[in-house]
C-alpha atoms as a PDB file:
ATOM      1  CA  UNK A   1      99.891  91.371 -23.273  1.00  0.00           C
ATOM      2  CA  UNK A   2      96.610  89.529 -23.973  1.00  0.00           C
ATOM      3  CA  UNK A   3      94.406  90.766 -26.801  1.00  0.00           C
ATOM      4  CA  UNK A   4      90.631  91.014 -27.092  1.00  0.00           C
ATOM      5  CA  UNK A   5      88.776  91.102 -30.386  1.00  0.00           C
ATOM      6  CA  UNK A   6      85.727  93.330 -30.057  1.00  0.00           C
ATOM      7  CA  UNK A   7      83.258  92.944 -32.922  1.00  0.00           C
ATOM      8  CA  UNK A   8      80.676  95.695 -33.275  1.00  0.00           C
ATOM      9  CA  UNK A   9      77.098  94.859 -34.253  1.00  0.00           C
ATOM     10  CA  UNK A  10      77.863  96.113 -37.781  1.00  0.00           C
ATOM     11  CA  UNK A  11      80.826  93.716 -38.083  1.00  0.00           C
ATOM     12  CA  UNK A  12      83.647  96.227 -37.542  1.00  0.00           C
ATOM     13  CA  UNK A  13      86.480  94.583 -35.570  1.00  0.00           C
ATOM     14  CA  UNK A  14      88.823  96.101 -33.007  1.00  0.00           C
ATOM     15  CA  UNK A  15      91.807  94.100 -31.727  1.00  0.00           C
ATOM     16  CA  UNK A  16      92.955  95.687 -28.458  1.00  0.00           C
ATOM     17  CA  UNK A  17      95.650  94.732 -25.974  1.00  0.00           C
ATOM     18  CA  UNK A  18      94.114  94.563 -22.508  1.00  0.00           C
ATOM     19  CA  UNK A  19      96.503  94.130 -19.575  1.00  0.00           C
ATOM     20  CA  UNK A  20      96.009  91.025 -17.448  1.00  0.00           C
ATOM     21  CA  UNK A  21      93.863  91.856 -14.435  1.00  0.00           C
ATOM     22  CA  UNK A  22      91.721  94.435 -16.232  1.00  0.00           C
ATOM     23  CA  UNK A  23      88.235  93.504 -17.366  1.00  0.00           C
ATOM     24  CA  UNK A  24      87.059  93.229 -20.945  1.00  0.00           C
ATOM     25  CA  UNK A  25      84.803  96.220 -20.175  1.00  0.00           C
ATOM     26  CA  UNK A  26      87.756  98.313 -18.956  1.00  0.00           C
ATOM     27  CA  UNK A  27      89.656  97.466 -22.135  1.00  0.00           C
ATOM     28  CA  UNK A  28      86.732  98.668 -24.243  1.00  0.00           C
ATOM     29  CA  UNK A  29      86.104 101.861 -22.270  1.00  0.00           C
ATOM     30  CA  UNK A  30      89.823 102.734 -22.083  1.00  0.00           C
ATOM     31  CA  UNK A  31      90.077 102.378 -25.862  1.00  0.00           C
ATOM     32  CA  UNK A  32      86.776 104.072 -26.793  1.00  0.00           C
ATOM     33  CA  UNK A  33      85.247 100.950 -28.324  1.00  0.00           C
ATOM     34  CA  UNK A  34      81.687 101.892 -29.277  1.00  0.00           C
ATOM     35  CA  UNK A  35      78.924  99.694 -27.898  1.00  0.00           C
ATOM     36  CA  UNK A  36      80.162  99.084 -24.344  1.00  0.00           C
ATOM     37  CA  UNK A  37      79.085 101.779 -21.908  1.00  0.00           C
ATOM     38  CA  UNK A  38      79.984 100.390 -18.490  1.00  0.00           C
ATOM     39  CA  UNK A  39      77.728 102.864 -16.678  1.00  0.00           C
ATOM     40  CA  UNK A  40      78.283 101.317 -13.231  1.00  0.00           C
ATOM     41  CA  UNK A  41      82.056 101.300 -13.618  1.00  0.00           C
ATOM     42  CA  UNK A  42      82.346  97.542 -13.325  1.00  0.00           C
ATOM     43  CA  UNK A  43      80.337  96.963 -10.151  1.00  0.00           C
ATOM     44  CA  UNK A  44      78.011  94.399 -11.792  1.00  0.00           C
ATOM     45  CA  UNK A  45      75.134  96.780 -11.080  1.00  0.00           C
ATOM     46  CA  UNK A  46      73.871  97.358 -14.635  1.00  0.00           C
ATOM     47  CA  UNK A  47      73.953  95.563 -17.968  1.00  0.00           C
ATOM     48  CA  UNK A  48      75.517  98.251 -20.156  1.00  0.00           C
ATOM     49  CA  UNK A  49      78.624  96.168 -20.807  1.00  0.00           C
ATOM     50  CA  UNK A  50      76.733  93.158 -22.162  1.00  0.00           C
ATOM     51  CA  UNK A  51      78.626  91.117 -24.777  1.00  0.00           C
ATOM     52  CA  UNK A  52      78.197  87.818 -26.585  1.00  0.00           C
ATOM     53  CA  UNK A  53      81.258  85.618 -26.062  1.00  0.00           C
ATOM     54  CA  UNK A  54      82.410  83.620 -29.073  1.00  0.00           C
ATOM     55  CA  UNK A  55      81.334  80.035 -28.260  1.00  0.00           C
ATOM     56  CA  UNK A  56      84.869  78.675 -28.676  1.00  0.00           C
ATOM     57  CA  UNK A  57      85.884  80.747 -25.624  1.00  0.00           C
ATOM     58  CA  UNK A  58      82.983  79.936 -23.313  1.00  0.00           C
ATOM     59  CA  UNK A  59      84.709  76.961 -21.674  1.00  0.00           C
ATOM     60  CA  UNK A  60      87.780  79.122 -20.902  1.00  0.00           C
ATOM     61  CA  UNK A  61      85.709  81.495 -18.766  1.00  0.00           C
ATOM     62  CA  UNK A  62      84.441  80.903 -15.246  1.00  0.00           C
ATOM     63  CA  UNK A  63      80.698  80.499 -14.975  1.00  0.00           C
ATOM     64  CA  UNK A  64      78.736  83.716 -14.300  1.00  0.00           C
ATOM     65  CA  UNK A  65      78.069  84.471 -10.655  1.00  0.00           C
ATOM     66  CA  UNK A  66      74.482  84.535  -9.456  1.00  0.00           C
ATOM     67  CA  UNK A  67      74.607  88.353  -9.413  1.00  0.00           C
ATOM     68  CA  UNK A  68      75.888  88.493 -12.996  1.00  0.00           C
ATOM     69  CA  UNK A  69      73.231  86.017 -14.140  1.00  0.00           C
ATOM     70  CA  UNK A  70      70.547  88.184 -12.515  1.00  0.00           C
ATOM     71  CA  UNK A  71      71.895  91.372 -14.134  1.00  0.00           C
ATOM     72  CA  UNK A  72      71.924  89.718 -17.565  1.00  0.00           C
ATOM     73  CA  UNK A  73      68.134  89.721 -17.292  1.00  0.00           C
ATOM     74  CA  UNK A  74      68.321  93.482 -17.897  1.00  0.00           C
ATOM     75  CA  UNK A  75      70.481  93.151 -21.034  1.00  0.00           C
ATOM     76  CA  UNK A  76      69.184  93.663 -24.575  1.00  0.00           C
ATOM     77  CA  UNK A  77      68.415  90.248 -26.092  1.00  0.00           C
ATOM     78  CA  UNK A  78      70.565  88.028 -23.858  1.00  0.00           C
ATOM     79  CA  UNK A  79      71.220  84.435 -24.869  1.00  0.00           C
ATOM     80  CA  UNK A  80      73.453  81.528 -23.827  1.00  0.00           C
ATOM     81  CA  UNK A  81      76.565  83.423 -25.034  1.00  0.00           C
ATOM     82  CA  UNK A  82      75.786  86.526 -22.959  1.00  0.00           C
ATOM     83  CA  UNK A  83      78.152  87.829 -20.320  1.00  0.00           C
ATOM     84  CA  UNK A  84      78.790  91.138 -18.609  1.00  0.00           C
ATOM     85  CA  UNK A  85      82.210  92.206 -19.830  1.00  0.00           C
ATOM     86  CA  UNK A  86      82.988  93.839 -16.465  1.00  0.00           C
ATOM     87  CA  UNK A  87      83.022  90.332 -14.975  1.00  0.00           C
ATOM     88  CA  UNK A  88      85.562  88.894 -17.428  1.00  0.00           C
ATOM     89  CA  UNK A  89      89.063  89.555 -16.097  1.00  0.00           C
ATOM     90  CA  UNK A  90      91.813  89.236 -18.652  1.00  0.00           C
ATOM     91  CA  UNK A  91      94.527  86.623 -18.223  1.00  0.00           C
ATOM     92  CA  UNK A  92      97.274  85.363 -20.523  1.00  0.00           C
ATOM     93  CA  UNK A  93      95.077  82.319 -21.213  1.00  0.00           C
ATOM     94  CA  UNK A  94      92.386  84.568 -22.706  1.00  0.00           C
ATOM     95  CA  UNK A  95      94.707  86.027 -25.354  1.00  0.00           C
ATOM     96  CA  UNK A  96      92.629  86.283 -28.536  1.00  0.00           C
ATOM     97  CA  UNK A  97      89.243  86.298 -26.784  1.00  0.00           C
ATOM     98  CA  UNK A  98      86.485  87.406 -29.168  1.00  0.00           C
ATOM     99  CA  UNK A  99      83.342  89.164 -27.993  1.00  0.00           C
ATOM    100  CA  UNK A 100      80.448  90.455 -30.079  1.00  0.00           C
ATOM    101  CA  UNK A 101      78.625  93.633 -29.121  1.00  0.00           C
ATOM    102  CA  UNK A 102      74.834  93.735 -29.094  1.00  0.00           C
ATOM    103  CA  UNK A 103      72.837  96.069 -31.291  1.00  0.00           C
ATOM    104  CA  UNK A 104      72.264  98.292 -28.254  1.00  0.00           C
ATOM    105  CA  UNK A 105      72.848  98.340 -24.514  1.00  0.00           C
END
């Protein structure tokens, strides 16, 4: 099962197995990882699952959709690493993915 490394703003790390097909947001919410709220339940209708993807993984992910890019405008301090974790579906190829959580959502 693929693993995701969630790194809290304070540096605390959580390595969680997230089944293929589930989103990075679902993995965080299902495992009570602090810092990812997922208020819209994964509908890409808020920015409360904002993460910063480790740059070494950015080329492994599909580009954000136009809707996701628009929603990132509502995130706290977005930058070029920003993604909505509800839009990142886990696959075997993403085993070891590392995401950093913002200071706040």
